[in-house]
Structures are given as structure tokens and as C-alpha cells.
Amino acid sequence: MKAAVVVIAVIGGVGCYVWDYNTSPTGGKAEAEASQSAHNPNIGDCVKIEDPEGDPLPTVVDCDSAEAEYKTGDRLSGVGSKV
């Protein structure tokens, strides 16, 4: 009987964690997606470049921010590219 209660409690706890991870607007899955989009700028986004000398990583920032270094534009075709 005690083992059944422990198993039910563990399953309930895991279920609550999974539910919260997938539905919380401020954490879990939403936080992971926001983190990923912060380093994937779209055309017109303002970015700052972290570690430009080593492994440059663009981070999307507010265009009115003092951190904004560049504004992304449309990709231009170059030699050897196919449109």
C-alpha cells in the first residue's frame, strides 16, 4: 500500500513538472524558445555581437537600446549563389 502511494506521488510530480514546463509563459519551453530566438535575428532586427574576435554570436536587442550595434538587412546574392 505504501509503495503504491509513493509511485502515485512520483508520477504526479513528474506529470506536474511536464505540464508546467510546456505551459508556463515565463519558463520551461517558453524560456528555451525565447533564448533560441534571441540569437536568430530576422530582417530589420537590431543586434549586438558578442565575442566578435572569437566565435561571434548575434543577440537581438531593442533598436532604441545603447547596446544596438547593427541593424540586419536583406541577404544579397553574391558570386556563386543561386536565387
PDB file of N, CA and C in Angstrom:
ATOM      1  N   MET A   1       0.828  -1.197   0.000  1.00  0.00           N
ATOM      2  CA  MET A   1       0.000   0.000   0.000  1.00  0.00           C
ATOM      3  C   MET A   1       0.869   1.255   0.000  1.00  0.00           C
ATOM      4  N   LYS A   2       1.916   1.277   0.844  1.00  0.00           N
ATOM      5  CA  LYS A   2       2.794   2.440   0.907  1.00  0.00           C
ATOM      6  C   LYS A   2       3.534   2.618  -0.411  1.00  0.00           C
ATOM      7  N   ALA A   3       3.918   1.526  -1.037  1.00  0.00           N
ATOM      8  CA  ALA A   3       4.626   1.597  -2.315  1.00  0.00           C
ATOM      9  C   ALA A   3       3.737   2.209  -3.396  1.00  0.00           C
ATOM     10  N   ALA A   4       2.457   1.883  -3.374  1.00  0.00           N
ATOM     11  CA  ALA A   4       1.518   2.428  -4.363  1.00  0.00           C
ATOM     12  C   ALA A   4       1.373   3.933  -4.191  1.00  0.00           C
ATOM     13  N   VAL A   5       1.340   4.403  -2.949  1.00  0.00           N
ATOM     14  CA  VAL A   5       1.230   5.833  -2.670  1.00  0.00           C
ATOM     15  C   VAL A   5       2.481   6.556  -3.166  1.00  0.00           C
ATOM     16  N   VAL A   6       3.662   5.972  -2.955  1.00  0.00           N
ATOM     17  CA  VAL A   6       4.918   6.579  -3.403  1.00  0.00           C
ATOM     18  C   VAL A   6       4.946   6.642  -4.931  1.00  0.00           C
ATOM     19  N   VAL A   7       4.541   5.572  -5.584  1.00  0.00           N
ATOM     20  CA  VAL A   7       4.524   5.542  -7.051  1.00  0.00           C
ATOM     21  C   VAL A   7       3.562   6.595  -7.596  1.00  0.00           C
ATOM     22  N   ILE A   8       2.394   6.698  -7.017  1.00  0.00           N
ATOM     23  CA  ILE A   8       1.415   7.695  -7.459  1.00  0.00           C
ATOM     24  C   ILE A   8       1.957   9.107  -7.245  1.00  0.00           C
ATOM     25  N   ALA A   9       2.618   9.338  -6.105  1.00  0.00           N
ATOM     26  CA  ALA A   9       3.196  10.656  -5.821  1.00  0.00           C
ATOM     27  C   ALA A   9       4.285  11.001  -6.832  1.00  0.00           C
ATOM     28  N   VAL A  10       5.137  10.053  -7.168  1.00  0.00           N
ATOM     29  CA  VAL A  10       6.216  10.298  -8.133  1.00  0.00           C
ATOM     30  C   VAL A  10       5.628  10.583  -9.511  1.00  0.00           C
ATOM     31  N   ILE A  11       4.666   9.789  -9.939  1.00  0.00           N
ATOM     32  CA  ILE A  11       4.032  10.007 -11.241  1.00  0.00           C
ATOM     33  C   ILE A  11       3.326  11.359 -11.282  1.00  0.00           C
ATOM     34  N   GLY A  12       2.664  11.716 -10.204  1.00  0.00           N
ATOM     35  CA  GLY A  12       2.005  13.024 -10.118  1.00  0.00           C
ATOM     36  C   GLY A  12       3.003  14.169 -10.189  1.00  0.00           C
ATOM     37  N   GLY A  13       4.126  14.019  -9.496  1.00  0.00           N
ATOM     38  CA  GLY A  13       5.156  15.059  -9.518  1.00  0.00           C
ATOM     39  C   GLY A  13       5.753  15.241 -10.903  1.00  0.00           C
ATOM     40  N   VAL A  14       6.035  14.129 -11.565  1.00  0.00           N
ATOM     41  CA  VAL A  14       6.579  14.197 -12.924  1.00  0.00           C
ATOM     42  C   VAL A  14       5.551  14.811 -13.868  1.00  0.00           C
ATOM     43  N   GLY A  15       4.304  14.433 -13.713  1.00  0.00           N
ATOM     44  CA  GLY A  15       3.240  14.993 -14.545  1.00  0.00           C
ATOM     45  C   GLY A  15       3.106  16.501 -14.358  1.00  0.00           C
ATOM     46  N   CYS A  16       3.171  16.958 -13.107  1.00  0.00           N
ATOM     47  CA  CYS A  16       3.098  18.402 -12.836  1.00  0.00           C
ATOM     48  C   CYS A  16       4.279  19.140 -13.457  1.00  0.00           C
ATOM     49  N   TYR A  17       5.473  18.570 -13.371  1.00  0.00           N
ATOM     50  CA  TYR A  17       6.671  19.190 -13.944  1.00  0.00           C
ATOM     51  C   TYR A  17       6.524  19.311 -15.461  1.00  0.00           C
ATOM     52  N   VAL A  18       6.102  18.234 -16.117  1.00  0.00           N
ATOM     53  CA  VAL A  18       5.942  18.253 -17.572  1.00  0.00           C
ATOM     54  C   VAL A  18       4.876  19.270 -17.972  1.00  0.00           C
ATOM     55  N   TRP A  19       3.767  19.291 -17.261  1.00  0.00           N
ATOM     56  CA  TRP A  19       2.693  20.253 -17.547  1.00  0.00           C
ATOM     57  C   TRP A  19       3.209  21.680 -17.406  1.00  0.00           C
ATOM     58  N   ASP A  20       3.893  21.980 -16.323  1.00  0.00           N
ATOM     59  CA  ASP A  20       4.412  23.317 -16.091  1.00  0.00           C
ATOM     60  C   ASP A  20       5.450  23.691 -17.141  1.00  0.00           C
ATOM     61  N   TYR A  21       6.340  22.767 -17.487  1.00  0.00           N
ATOM     62  CA  TYR A  21       7.379  23.036 -18.477  1.00  0.00           C
ATOM     63  C   TYR A  21       6.773  23.428 -19.813  1.00  0.00           C
ATOM     64  N   ASN A  22       5.706  22.762 -20.207  1.00  0.00           N
ATOM     65  CA  ASN A  22       5.112  23.007 -21.517  1.00  0.00           C
ATOM     66  C   ASN A  22       4.101  24.140 -21.561  1.00  0.00           C
ATOM     67  N   THR A  23       3.578  24.585 -20.422  1.00  0.00           N
ATOM     68  CA  THR A  23       2.527  25.595 -20.424  1.00  0.00           C
ATOM     69  C   THR A  23       2.904  26.905 -19.750  1.00  0.00           C
ATOM     70  N   SER A  24       3.982  26.959 -19.003  1.00  0.00           N
ATOM     71  CA  SER A  24       4.363  28.180 -18.290  1.00  0.00           C
ATOM     72  C   SER A  24       4.793  29.262 -19.285  1.00  0.00           C
ATOM     73  N   PRO A  25       4.208  30.471 -19.217  1.00  0.00           N
ATOM     74  CA  PRO A  25       4.594  31.522 -20.151  1.00  0.00           C
ATOM     75  C   PRO A  25       5.931  32.181 -19.819  1.00  0.00           C
ATOM     76  N   THR A  26       6.445  31.925 -18.633  1.00  0.00           N
ATOM     77  CA  THR A  26       7.699  32.586 -18.234  1.00  0.00           C
ATOM     78  C   THR A  26       8.866  31.636 -18.039  1.00  0.00           C
ATOM     79  N   GLY A  27       8.687  30.375 -18.229  1.00  0.00           N
ATOM     80  CA  GLY A  27       9.785  29.441 -18.008  1.00  0.00           C
ATOM     81  C   GLY A  27       9.636  28.204 -18.852  1.00  0.00           C
ATOM     82  N   GLY A  28      10.509  27.264 -18.638  1.00  0.00           N
ATOM     83  CA  GLY A  28      10.434  25.994 -19.342  1.00  0.00           C
ATOM     84  C   GLY A  28      10.583  26.138 -20.837  1.00  0.00           C
ATOM     85  N   LYS A  29       9.610  25.633 -21.548  1.00  0.00           N
ATOM     86  CA  LYS A  29       9.644  25.621 -23.007  1.00  0.00           C
ATOM     87  C   LYS A  29       9.654  27.045 -23.576  1.00  0.00           C
ATOM     88  N   ALA A  30       8.859  27.941 -23.015  1.00  0.00           N
ATOM     89  CA  ALA A  30       8.803  29.321 -23.490  1.00  0.00           C
ATOM     90  C   ALA A  30      10.155  30.001 -23.317  1.00  0.00           C
ATOM     91  N   GLU A  31      10.814  29.746 -22.200  1.00  0.00           N
ATOM     92  CA  GLU A  31      12.128  30.338 -21.959  1.00  0.00           C
ATOM     93  C   GLU A  31      13.155  29.790 -22.942  1.00  0.00           C
ATOM     94  N   ALA A  32      13.110  28.506 -23.222  1.00  0.00           N
ATOM     95  CA  ALA A  32      14.047  27.900 -24.170  1.00  0.00           C
ATOM     96  C   ALA A  32      13.827  28.463 -25.573  1.00  0.00           C
ATOM     97  N   GLU A  33      12.577  28.622 -25.982  1.00  0.00           N
ATOM     98  CA  GLU A  33      12.286  29.180 -27.300  1.00  0.00           C
ATOM     99  C   GLU A  33      12.699  30.639 -27.386  1.00  0.00           C
ATOM    100  N   ALA A  34      12.493  31.406 -26.327  1.00  0.00           N
ATOM    101  CA  ALA A  34      12.903  32.808 -26.316  1.00  0.00           C
ATOM    102  C   ALA A  34      14.413  32.929 -26.389  1.00  0.00           C
ATOM    103  N   SER A  35      15.105  32.056 -25.699  1.00  0.00           N
ATOM    104  CA  SER A  35      16.561  32.072 -25.736  1.00  0.00           C
ATOM    105  C   SER A  35      17.072  31.780 -27.133  1.00  0.00           C
ATOM    106  N   GLN A  36      16.440  30.833 -27.805  1.00  0.00           N
ATOM    107  CA  GLN A  36      16.865  30.473 -29.152  1.00  0.00           C
ATOM    108  C   GLN A  36      16.594  31.621 -30.118  1.00  0.00           C
ATOM    109  N   SER A  37      15.452  32.283 -30.015  1.00  0.00           N
ATOM    110  CA  SER A  37      15.128  33.363 -30.934  1.00  0.00           C
ATOM    111  C   SER A  37      15.973  34.603 -30.663  1.00  0.00           C
ATOM    112  N   ALA A  38      16.534  34.734 -29.480  1.00  0.00           N
ATOM    113  CA  ALA A  38      17.380  35.878 -29.167  1.00  0.00           C
ATOM    114  C   ALA A  38      18.660  35.863 -29.978  1.00  0.00           C
ATOM    115  N   HIS A  39      19.059  34.705 -30.480  1.00  0.00           N
ATOM    116  CA  HIS A  39      20.290  34.593 -31.255  1.00  0.00           C
ATOM    117  C   HIS A  39      20.000  34.278 -32.716  1.00  0.00           C
ATOM    118  N   ASN A  40      18.773  34.491 -33.163  1.00  0.00           N
ATOM    119  CA  ASN A  40      18.383  34.219 -34.533  1.00  0.00           C
ATOM    120  C   ASN A  40      17.659  35.439 -35.087  1.00  0.00           C
ATOM    121  N   PRO A  41      18.419  36.492 -35.480  1.00  0.00           N
ATOM    122  CA  PRO A  41      17.770  37.732 -35.904  1.00  0.00           C
ATOM    123  C   PRO A  41      17.064  37.601 -37.247  1.00  0.00           C
ATOM    124  N   ASN A  42      16.012  38.381 -37.401  1.00  0.00           N
ATOM    125  CA  ASN A  42      15.270  38.482 -38.654  1.00  0.00           C
ATOM    126  C   ASN A  42      15.633  39.799 -39.322  1.00  0.00           C
ATOM    127  N   ILE A  43      15.222  39.971 -40.564  1.00  0.00           N
ATOM    128  CA  ILE A  43      15.482  41.209 -41.291  1.00  0.00           C
ATOM    129  C   ILE A  43      14.840  42.370 -40.534  1.00  0.00           C
ATOM    130  N   GLY A  44      15.616  43.411 -40.278  1.00  0.00           N
ATOM    131  CA  GLY A  44      15.131  44.594 -39.576  1.00  0.00           C
ATOM    132  C   GLY A  44      15.392  44.590 -38.082  1.00  0.00           C
ATOM    133  N   ASP A  45      15.854  43.473 -37.518  1.00  0.00           N
ATOM    134  CA  ASP A  45      16.173  43.404 -36.092  1.00  0.00           C
ATOM    135  C   ASP A  45      17.493  44.106 -35.820  1.00  0.00           C
ATOM    136  N   CYS A  46      17.604  44.708 -34.652  1.00  0.00           N
ATOM    137  CA  CYS A  46      18.863  45.285 -34.211  1.00  0.00           C
ATOM    138  C   CYS A  46      19.591  44.250 -33.371  1.00  0.00           C
ATOM    139  N   VAL A  47      20.913  44.190 -33.539  1.00  0.00           N
ATOM    140  CA  VAL A  47      21.701  43.174 -32.843  1.00  0.00           C
ATOM    141  C   VAL A  47      22.953  43.779 -32.246  1.00  0.00           C
ATOM    142  N   LYS A  48      23.473  43.073 -31.254  1.00  0.00           N
ATOM    143  CA  LYS A  48      24.817  43.334 -30.753  1.00  0.00           C
ATOM    144  C   LYS A  48      25.579  42.036 -30.980  1.00  0.00           C
ATOM    145  N   ILE A  49      26.866  42.149 -31.194  1.00  0.00           N
ATOM    146  CA  ILE A  49      27.683  40.979 -31.469  1.00  0.00           C
ATOM    147  C   ILE A  49      28.513  40.669 -30.235  1.00  0.00           C
ATOM    148  N   GLU A  50      28.294  39.464 -29.677  1.00  0.00           N
ATOM    149  CA  GLU A  50      29.070  39.011 -28.527  1.00  0.00           C
ATOM    150  C   GLU A  50      30.284  38.247 -29.029  1.00  0.00           C
ATOM    151  N   ASP A  51      31.446  38.507 -28.486  1.00  0.00           N
ATOM    152  CA  ASP A  51      32.708  37.850 -28.814  1.00  0.00           C
ATOM    153  C   ASP A  51      33.033  37.950 -30.308  1.00  0.00           C
ATOM    154  N   PRO A  52      33.152  39.188 -30.850  1.00  0.00           N
ATOM    155  CA  PRO A  52      33.392  39.336 -32.284  1.00  0.00           C
ATOM    156  C   PRO A  52      34.747  38.782 -32.736  1.00  0.00           C
ATOM    157  N   GLU A  53      35.712  38.713 -31.850  1.00  0.00           N
ATOM    158  CA  GLU A  53      37.034  38.214 -32.219  1.00  0.00           C
ATOM    159  C   GLU A  53      37.118  36.692 -32.191  1.00  0.00           C
ATOM    160  N   GLY A  54      36.301  36.053 -31.399  1.00  0.00           N
ATOM    161  CA  GLY A  54      36.349  34.595 -31.257  1.00  0.00           C
ATOM    162  C   GLY A  54      35.254  33.922 -32.050  1.00  0.00           C
ATOM    163  N   ASP A  55      34.157  33.619 -31.380  1.00  0.00           N
ATOM    164  CA  ASP A  55      33.003  32.967 -32.003  1.00  0.00           C
ATOM    165  C   ASP A  55      31.849  33.960 -31.963  1.00  0.00           C
ATOM    166  N   PRO A  56      31.700  34.789 -33.022  1.00  0.00           N
ATOM    167  CA  PRO A  56      30.679  35.843 -32.987  1.00  0.00           C
ATOM    168  C   PRO A  56      29.268  35.276 -32.839  1.00  0.00           C
ATOM    169  N   LEU A  57      28.525  35.880 -31.939  1.00  0.00           N
ATOM    170  CA  LEU A  57      27.157  35.446 -31.675  1.00  0.00           C
ATOM    171  C   LEU A  57      26.249  36.671 -31.683  1.00  0.00           C
ATOM    172  N   PRO A  58      25.353  36.795 -32.707  1.00  0.00           N
ATOM    173  CA  PRO A  58      24.446  37.948 -32.722  1.00  0.00           C
ATOM    174  C   PRO A  58      23.324  37.767 -31.705  1.00  0.00           C
ATOM    175  N   THR A  59      23.064  38.804 -30.943  1.00  0.00           N
ATOM    176  CA  THR A  59      21.979  38.787 -29.963  1.00  0.00           C
ATOM    177  C   THR A  59      21.022  39.922 -30.297  1.00  0.00           C
ATOM    178  N   VAL A  60      19.745  39.600 -30.459  1.00  0.00           N
ATOM    179  CA  VAL A  60      18.730  40.598 -30.781  1.00  0.00           C
ATOM    180  C   VAL A  60      18.517  41.507 -29.572  1.00  0.00           C
ATOM    181  N   VAL A  61      18.575  42.817 -29.804  1.00  0.00           N
ATOM    182  CA  VAL A  61      18.340  43.818 -28.755  1.00  0.00           C
ATOM    183  C   VAL A  61      17.334  44.840 -29.277  1.00  0.00           C
ATOM    184  N   ASP A  62      16.815  45.666 -28.385  1.00  0.00           N
ATOM    185  CA  ASP A  62      15.895  46.728 -28.757  1.00  0.00           C
ATOM    186  C   ASP A  62      16.650  47.766 -29.583  1.00  0.00           C
ATOM    187  N   CYS A  63      16.070  48.231 -30.671  1.00  0.00           N
ATOM    188  CA  CYS A  63      16.754  49.184 -31.552  1.00  0.00           C
ATOM    189  C   CYS A  63      17.017  50.522 -30.869  1.00  0.00           C
ATOM    190  N   ASP A  64      16.234  50.870 -29.859  1.00  0.00           N
ATOM    191  CA  ASP A  64      16.456  52.119 -29.123  1.00  0.00           C
ATOM    192  C   ASP A  64      17.504  51.967 -28.034  1.00  0.00           C
ATOM    193  N   SER A  65      17.980  50.750 -27.828  1.00  0.00           N
ATOM    194  CA  SER A  65      18.942  50.462 -26.776  1.00  0.00           C
ATOM    195  C   SER A  65      20.339  50.940 -27.169  1.00  0.00           C
ATOM    196  N   ALA A  66      21.128  51.310 -26.163  1.00  0.00           N
ATOM    197  CA  ALA A  66      22.520  51.689 -26.400  1.00  0.00           C
ATOM    198  C   ALA A  66      23.362  50.484 -26.810  1.00  0.00           C
ATOM    199  N   GLU A  67      22.863  49.271 -26.565  1.00  0.00           N
ATOM    200  CA  GLU A  67      23.587  48.054 -26.935  1.00  0.00           C
ATOM    201  C   GLU A  67      23.511  47.761 -28.424  1.00  0.00           C
ATOM    202  N   ALA A  68      22.535  48.330 -29.139  1.00  0.00           N
ATOM    203  CA  ALA A  68      22.337  48.033 -30.556  1.00  0.00           C
ATOM    204  C   ALA A  68      23.551  48.499 -31.355  1.00  0.00           C
ATOM    205  N   GLU A  69      24.195  47.550 -32.039  1.00  0.00           N
ATOM    206  CA  GLU A  69      25.376  47.862 -32.835  1.00  0.00           C
ATOM    207  C   GLU A  69      25.074  47.842 -34.333  1.00  0.00           C
ATOM    208  N   TYR A  70      24.201  46.935 -34.753  1.00  0.00           N
ATOM    209  CA  TYR A  70      23.891  46.767 -36.168  1.00  0.00           C
ATOM    210  C   TYR A  70      22.402  46.549 -36.349  1.00  0.00           C
ATOM    211  N   LYS A  71      21.921  46.843 -37.556  1.00  0.00           N
ATOM    212  CA  LYS A  71      20.550  46.528 -37.928  1.00  0.00           C
ATOM    213  C   LYS A  71      20.645  45.590 -39.127  1.00  0.00           C
ATOM    214  N   THR A  72      19.984  44.441 -39.017  1.00  0.00           N
ATOM    215  CA  THR A  72      20.093  43.445 -40.073  1.00  0.00           C
ATOM    216  C   THR A  72      19.304  43.870 -41.301  1.00  0.00           C
ATOM    217  N   GLY A  73      19.828  43.481 -42.442  1.00  0.00           N
ATOM    218  CA  GLY A  73      19.188  43.797 -43.711  1.00  0.00           C
ATOM    219  C   GLY A  73      18.910  42.524 -44.481  1.00  0.00           C
ATOM    220  N   ASP A  74      18.487  42.678 -45.696  1.00  0.00           N
ATOM    221  CA  ASP A  74      18.193  41.538 -46.554  1.00  0.00           C
ATOM    222  C   ASP A  74      19.488  40.949 -47.084  1.00  0.00           C
ATOM    223  N   ARG A  75      19.519  39.654 -47.271  1.00  0.00           N
ATOM    224  CA  ARG A  75      20.701  38.973 -47.803  1.00  0.00           C
ATOM    225  C   ARG A  75      20.809  39.281 -49.293  1.00  0.00           C
ATOM    226  N   LEU A  76      22.013  39.674 -49.698  1.00  0.00           N
ATOM    227  CA  LEU A  76      22.255  39.973 -51.100  1.00  0.00           C
ATOM    228  C   LEU A  76      22.892  38.770 -51.776  1.00  0.00           C
ATOM    229  N   SER A  77      22.546  38.560 -53.026  1.00  0.00           N
ATOM    230  CA  SER A  77      23.146  37.463 -53.788  1.00  0.00           C
ATOM    231  C   SER A  77      24.573  37.828 -54.146  1.00  0.00           C
ATOM    232  N   GLY A  78      25.447  36.856 -54.077  1.00  0.00           N
ATOM    233  CA  GLY A  78      26.843  37.086 -54.409  1.00  0.00           C
ATOM    234  C   GLY A  78      27.321  36.089 -55.425  1.00  0.00           C
ATOM    235  N   VAL A  79      28.601  36.097 -55.677  1.00  0.00           N
ATOM    236  CA  VAL A  79      29.207  35.187 -56.638  1.00  0.00           C
ATOM    237  C   VAL A  79      28.968  33.742 -56.191  1.00  0.00           C
ATOM    238  N   GLY A  80      28.497  32.940 -57.122  1.00  0.00           N
ATOM    239  CA  GLY A  80      28.279  31.524 -56.835  1.00  0.00           C
ATOM    240  C   GLY A  80      26.974  31.193 -56.136  1.00  0.00           C
ATOM    241  N   SER A  81      26.174  32.191 -55.816  1.00  0.00           N
ATOM    242  CA  SER A  81      24.908  31.901 -55.139  1.00  0.00           C
ATOM    243  C   SER A  81      23.801  31.738 -56.165  1.00  0.00           C
ATOM    244  N   LYS A  82      22.816  30.977 -55.819  1.00  0.00           N
ATOM    245  CA  LYS A  82      21.669  30.751 -56.705  1.00  0.00           C
ATOM    246  C   LYS A  82      20.432  31.329 -56.062  1.00  0.00           C
ATOM    247  N   VAL A  83      19.668  32.064 -56.849  1.00  0.00           N
ATOM    248  CA  VAL A  83      18.457  32.692 -56.335  1.00  0.00           C
ATOM    249  C   VAL A  83      17.259  31.845 -56.654  1.00  0.00           C
TER     250      VAL A  83
END
